[in-house]
C-alpha atoms as a PDB file:
ATOM      1  CA  UNK A   1       4.367  20.316   9.118  1.00  0.00           C
ATOM      2  CA  UNK A   2       2.898  17.861  11.586  1.00  0.00           C
ATOM      3  CA  UNK A   3       4.542  14.925  13.345  1.00  0.00           C
ATOM      4  CA  UNK A   4       2.402  11.979  14.414  1.00  0.00           C
ATOM      5  CA  UNK A   5       2.912   8.554  15.952  1.00  0.00           C
ATOM      6  CA  UNK A   6       1.449   5.363  14.515  1.00  0.00           C
ATOM      7  CA  UNK A   7       1.903   1.609  14.702  1.00  0.00           C
ATOM      8  CA  UNK A   8       2.326  -0.433  11.527  1.00  0.00           C
ATOM      9  CA  UNK A   9       3.128  -4.125  11.753  1.00  0.00           C
ATOM     10  CA  UNK A  10       4.278  -5.096   8.244  1.00  0.00           C
ATOM     11  CA  UNK A  11       5.263  -3.748   4.827  1.00  0.00           C
ATOM     12  CA  UNK A  12       1.810  -4.407   3.323  1.00  0.00           C
ATOM     13  CA  UNK A  13       0.194  -2.290   6.052  1.00  0.00           C
ATOM     14  CA  UNK A  14       2.875   0.378   5.495  1.00  0.00           C
ATOM     15  CA  UNK A  15       2.105   0.467   1.757  1.00  0.00           C
ATOM     16  CA  UNK A  16      -1.625   0.799   2.435  1.00  0.00           C
ATOM     17  CA  UNK A  17      -1.061   3.506   5.066  1.00  0.00           C
ATOM     18  CA  UNK A  18       1.130   5.571   2.715  1.00  0.00           C
ATOM     19  CA  UNK A  19      -1.414   5.299  -0.110  1.00  0.00           C
ATOM     20  CA  UNK A  20      -4.306   6.295   2.177  1.00  0.00           C
ATOM     21  CA  UNK A  21      -2.389   9.213   3.697  1.00  0.00           C
ATOM     22  CA  UNK A  22      -1.357  10.664   0.334  1.00  0.00           C
ATOM     23  CA  UNK A  23      -4.854  10.253  -1.133  1.00  0.00           C
ATOM     24  CA  UNK A  24      -6.510  11.804   1.917  1.00  0.00           C
ATOM     25  CA  UNK A  25      -4.117  14.769   2.017  1.00  0.00           C
ATOM     26  CA  UNK A  26      -4.628  15.584  -1.664  1.00  0.00           C
ATOM     27  CA  UNK A  27      -8.329  14.640  -1.747  1.00  0.00           C
ATOM     28  CA  UNK A  28      -7.802  11.863  -4.283  1.00  0.00           C
ATOM     29  CA  UNK A  29     -10.016   8.827  -4.668  1.00  0.00           C
ATOM     30  CA  UNK A  30      -8.375   5.872  -2.928  1.00  0.00           C
ATOM     31  CA  UNK A  31      -6.929   3.296  -5.360  1.00  0.00           C
ATOM     32  CA  UNK A  32      -7.726   5.450  -8.411  1.00  0.00           C
ATOM     33  CA  UNK A  33      -4.044   6.115  -9.125  1.00  0.00           C
ATOM     34  CA  UNK A  34      -1.042   3.829  -9.422  1.00  0.00           C
ATOM     35  CA  UNK A  35       1.522   3.768  -6.638  1.00  0.00           C
ATOM     36  CA  UNK A  36       5.028   2.475  -7.271  1.00  0.00           C
ATOM     37  CA  UNK A  37       7.713   1.658  -4.746  1.00  0.00           C
ATOM     38  CA  UNK A  38      11.288   0.598  -4.457  1.00  0.00           C
ATOM     39  CA  UNK A  39      13.622  -0.478  -1.699  1.00  0.00           C
ATOM     40  CA  UNK A  40      16.348   2.034  -0.893  1.00  0.00           C
ATOM     41  CA  UNK A  41      19.822   0.676  -0.235  1.00  0.00           C
ATOM     42  CA  UNK A  42      22.919   2.030   1.436  1.00  0.00           C
ATOM     43  CA  UNK A  43      26.101   0.015   1.099  1.00  0.00           C
ATOM     44  CA  UNK A  44      24.098  -2.797  -0.501  1.00  0.00           C
ATOM     45  CA  UNK A  45      21.803  -3.147   2.521  1.00  0.00           C
ATOM     46  CA  UNK A  46      18.142  -2.063   2.611  1.00  0.00           C
ATOM     47  CA  UNK A  47      17.697   1.203   4.522  1.00  0.00           C
ATOM     48  CA  UNK A  48      14.158   2.232   3.592  1.00  0.00           C
ATOM     49  CA  UNK A  49      11.451   2.404   0.967  1.00  0.00           C
ATOM     50  CA  UNK A  50      10.452   5.040  -1.555  1.00  0.00           C
ATOM     51  CA  UNK A  51       6.774   5.316  -2.502  1.00  0.00           C
ATOM     52  CA  UNK A  52       5.417   7.378  -5.409  1.00  0.00           C
ATOM     53  CA  UNK A  53       1.722   7.985  -6.032  1.00  0.00           C
ATOM     54  CA  UNK A  54       1.232   8.883  -9.690  1.00  0.00           C
ATOM     55  CA  UNK A  55      -1.672  11.329  -9.530  1.00  0.00           C
ATOM     56  CA  UNK A  56      -3.710  13.219 -12.103  1.00  0.00           C
ATOM     57  CA  UNK A  57      -1.983  15.141 -14.908  1.00  0.00           C
ATOM     58  CA  UNK A  58       1.340  13.339 -14.247  1.00  0.00           C
ATOM     59  CA  UNK A  59       1.635  14.870 -10.748  1.00  0.00           C
ATOM     60  CA  UNK A  60       3.683  12.766  -8.319  1.00  0.00           C
ATOM     61  CA  UNK A  61       3.350  12.617  -4.541  1.00  0.00           C
ATOM     62  CA  UNK A  62       6.002  10.746  -2.578  1.00  0.00           C
ATOM     63  CA  UNK A  63       6.825   9.250   0.787  1.00  0.00           C
ATOM     64  CA  UNK A  64      10.031   7.793   2.160  1.00  0.00           C
ATOM     65  CA  UNK A  65      10.226   5.345   5.038  1.00  0.00           C
ATOM     66  CA  UNK A  66      13.679   5.499   6.559  1.00  0.00           C
ATOM     67  CA  UNK A  67      14.541   2.540   8.731  1.00  0.00           C
ATOM     68  CA  UNK A  68      17.323   4.208  10.754  1.00  0.00           C
ATOM     69  CA  UNK A  69      14.903   6.638  12.408  1.00  0.00           C
ATOM     70  CA  UNK A  70      11.831   4.477  11.707  1.00  0.00           C
ATOM     71  CA  UNK A  71       9.831   7.363  10.306  1.00  0.00           C
ATOM     72  CA  UNK A  72       7.855   8.120   7.154  1.00  0.00           C
ATOM     73  CA  UNK A  73       8.373  11.477   5.446  1.00  0.00           C
ATOM     74  CA  UNK A  74       5.570  12.643   3.116  1.00  0.00           C
ATOM     75  CA  UNK A  75       6.228  15.096   0.266  1.00  0.00           C
ATOM     76  CA  UNK A  76       4.009  17.052  -2.112  1.00  0.00           C
ATOM     77  CA  UNK A  77       4.444  17.453  -5.849  1.00  0.00           C
ATOM     78  CA  UNK A  78       6.848  20.394  -5.446  1.00  0.00           C
ATOM     79  CA  UNK A  79       9.042  18.595  -2.913  1.00  0.00           C
ATOM     80  CA  UNK A  80       7.687  20.250   0.237  1.00  0.00           C
ATOM     81  CA  UNK A  81       7.416  17.948   3.231  1.00  0.00           C
ATOM     82  CA  UNK A  82       3.947  18.102   4.740  1.00  0.00           C
ATOM     83  CA  UNK A  83       4.019  15.300   7.318  1.00  0.00           C
ATOM     84  CA  UNK A  84       6.478  13.314   9.397  1.00  0.00           C
ATOM     85  CA  UNK A  85       5.145  10.090  10.879  1.00  0.00           C
ATOM     86  CA  UNK A  86       7.097   8.300  13.619  1.00  0.00           C
ATOM     87  CA  UNK A  87       6.478   4.541  13.685  1.00  0.00           C
ATOM     88  CA  UNK A  88       6.284   2.861  17.073  1.00  0.00           C
ATOM     89  CA  UNK A  89       7.424  -0.536  15.774  1.00  0.00           C
ATOM     90  CA  UNK A  90       9.559  -1.093  12.697  1.00  0.00           C
ATOM     91  CA  UNK A  91       8.053  -3.345   9.989  1.00  0.00           C
ATOM     92  CA  UNK A  92      10.344  -6.085   8.686  1.00  0.00           C
ATOM     93  CA  UNK A  93      11.897  -4.967   5.406  1.00  0.00           C
ATOM     94  CA  UNK A  94      13.460  -8.351   4.541  1.00  0.00           C
ATOM     95  CA  UNK A  95      10.477  -9.662   2.549  1.00  0.00           C
ATOM     96  CA  UNK A  96      10.142  -6.453   0.511  1.00  0.00           C
ATOM     97  CA  UNK A  97      13.902  -6.266  -0.129  1.00  0.00           C
ATOM     98  CA  UNK A  98      14.041  -9.659  -1.820  1.00  0.00           C
END
């Protein structure tokens, strides 16, 4: 598993980055598959985002951005983590949490 640093300024850029990273890792055509997301909450407050790329043959690839550590964790279809990405600046989750 690799750990990398990156800078993402907003939730839209985060969404795009997650989609591109998952597609590149699994050699999927960009924007060919649906990606869903939801805000994660702890004690009623937003604490991250869950992303799910719905790939071919009902395979799902996921990523979780956790705001406490400001990192994105990428997972394969069997649940193995293949990448940890540390963000330099935390995007604002308020707009996505509405």
